[in-house]
Structure formats: C-alpha cells, structure tokens
Amino acid sequence: MQLPSQLCGKAFGAHELAKIQEIVQKARPRLRAEIARKVCEALDWRDGQGALKLMSCRVALLKLHRLGCIELPPPRNGNGNGK
C-alpha cells in the first residue's frame, strides 16, 4: 500500500500514520468527530487563525479508512442526503 505524501494540505508520512492509528485505537468514546479533534491536536493541524482544521482532518481520516490504513468507527448518523 502506497501512503500519500500529503493529505488535505498536510504533509503526511509513516510517523503521522502511526500517531493516527494510535489515536483511533485508544479513542473513547469511539466517535469520528472526537477522533478528528484529537488528531488535529496531536499533529497541530490548524488554519491561519489557529483554529483546528476539523473538516480537512475528517476528510483525510476517511481517505485513510478507505485505503485500509485505519479502521474508523461506523458513522452515527447518515449524511442527510438520503444515501
């Protein structure tokens, strides 16, 4: 499996993946939003104003999940568009 060198504007490598895997594994409660918040804090993923880049992180986590790099908990709610 080829790791992307960048995800949603964030430089990405084996160190970042290991940190994300650790956070996902230890997450309690197992909520995607909480995992994204912890990943942003651990990787200091912030915008120019200093706010956490939660949506970018959630997109990156979903991409890693789809690549088989991490196992995210199932979503609690649908996406609201009926799919």
Protein backbone atom coordinates (compact mmCIF):
# COMPACT_ATOMS: atom_id res chain seq x y z
CA MET A 1 0.00 0.00 0.00
CA GLN A 2 1.39 3.39 -1.04
CA LEU A 3 0.95 6.11 1.59
CA PRO A 4 0.10 9.55 0.26
CA SER A 5 2.81 12.15 0.86
CA GLN A 6 0.16 14.77 1.57
CA LEU A 7 -3.45 14.60 2.76
CA CYS A 8 -5.78 17.59 2.57
CA GLY A 9 -2.88 20.04 2.57
CA LYS A 10 -1.00 18.37 5.44
CA ALA A 11 2.41 16.72 4.94
CA PHE A 12 1.96 13.06 5.67
CA GLY A 13 4.24 10.11 6.34
CA ALA A 14 4.73 6.97 8.41
CA HIS A 15 5.12 8.95 11.66
CA GLU A 16 1.76 10.71 11.17
CA LEU A 17 0.06 7.44 10.24
CA ALA A 18 1.38 5.74 13.37
CA LYS A 19 0.12 8.60 15.54
CA ILE A 20 -3.32 8.49 13.86
CA GLN A 21 -3.53 4.70 14.28
CA GLU A 22 -2.73 5.07 17.98
CA ILE A 23 -5.39 7.75 18.45
CA VAL A 24 -8.04 5.71 16.60
CA GLN A 25 -7.21 2.61 18.63
CA LYS A 26 -7.36 4.40 22.01
CA ALA A 27 -10.38 6.60 21.23
CA ARG A 28 -13.09 6.52 23.90
CA PRO A 29 -15.83 7.24 23.07
CA ARG A 30 -15.37 5.91 19.55
CA LEU A 31 -16.73 8.93 17.70
CA ARG A 32 -15.33 10.17 14.41
CA ALA A 33 -15.62 13.83 15.45
CA GLU A 34 -13.68 13.20 18.66
CA ILE A 35 -11.00 11.24 16.78
CA ALA A 36 -10.63 14.14 14.30
CA ARG A 37 -10.26 16.63 17.16
CA LYS A 38 -7.56 14.52 18.84
CA VAL A 39 -5.69 14.02 15.55
CA CYS A 40 -5.75 17.77 14.85
CA GLU A 41 -4.36 18.48 18.29
CA ALA A 42 -1.67 15.77 18.08
CA LEU A 43 -0.49 16.85 14.63
CA ASP A 44 -1.02 20.58 15.30
CA TRP A 45 -3.29 20.76 12.25
CA ARG A 46 -4.56 24.35 12.32
CA ASP A 47 -5.60 27.07 9.92
CA GLY A 48 -4.05 30.54 9.69
CA GLN A 49 -6.26 31.77 12.54
CA GLY A 50 -5.11 28.97 14.85
CA ALA A 51 -8.38 27.01 14.73
CA LEU A 52 -8.31 23.23 14.32
CA LYS A 53 -8.87 22.09 10.72
CA LEU A 54 -11.53 19.55 11.68
CA MET A 55 -13.21 19.11 8.28
CA SER A 56 -9.90 18.64 6.46
CA CYS A 57 -8.89 16.12 9.10
CA ARG A 58 -12.18 14.22 8.80
CA VAL A 59 -11.76 14.03 5.01
CA ALA A 60 -8.18 12.76 5.46
CA LEU A 61 -9.30 10.17 8.03
CA LEU A 62 -11.98 8.91 5.65
CA LYS A 63 -9.41 8.60 2.86
CA LEU A 64 -7.09 6.61 5.16
CA HIS A 65 -10.03 4.42 6.17
CA ARG A 66 -10.89 3.73 2.53
CA LEU A 67 -7.23 2.88 1.81
CA GLY A 68 -7.32 0.35 4.64
CA CYS A 69 -4.73 2.20 6.76
CA ILE A 70 -7.09 2.76 9.71
CA GLU A 71 -10.43 1.40 10.88
CA LEU A 72 -12.84 4.19 11.76
CA PRO A 73 -15.92 3.51 13.85
CA PRO A 74 -19.15 3.42 11.84
CA PRO A 75 -20.86 6.80 11.42
CA ARG A 76 -23.57 7.52 13.98
CA ASN A 77 -25.78 9.44 11.60
CA GLY A 78 -26.31 9.48 7.86
CA ASN A 79 -25.03 12.36 5.80
CA GLY A 80 -28.51 13.85 5.42
CA ASN A 81 -28.84 13.38 1.68
CA GLY A 82 -30.67 10.06 1.86
CA LYS A 83 -27.74 7.94 0.64
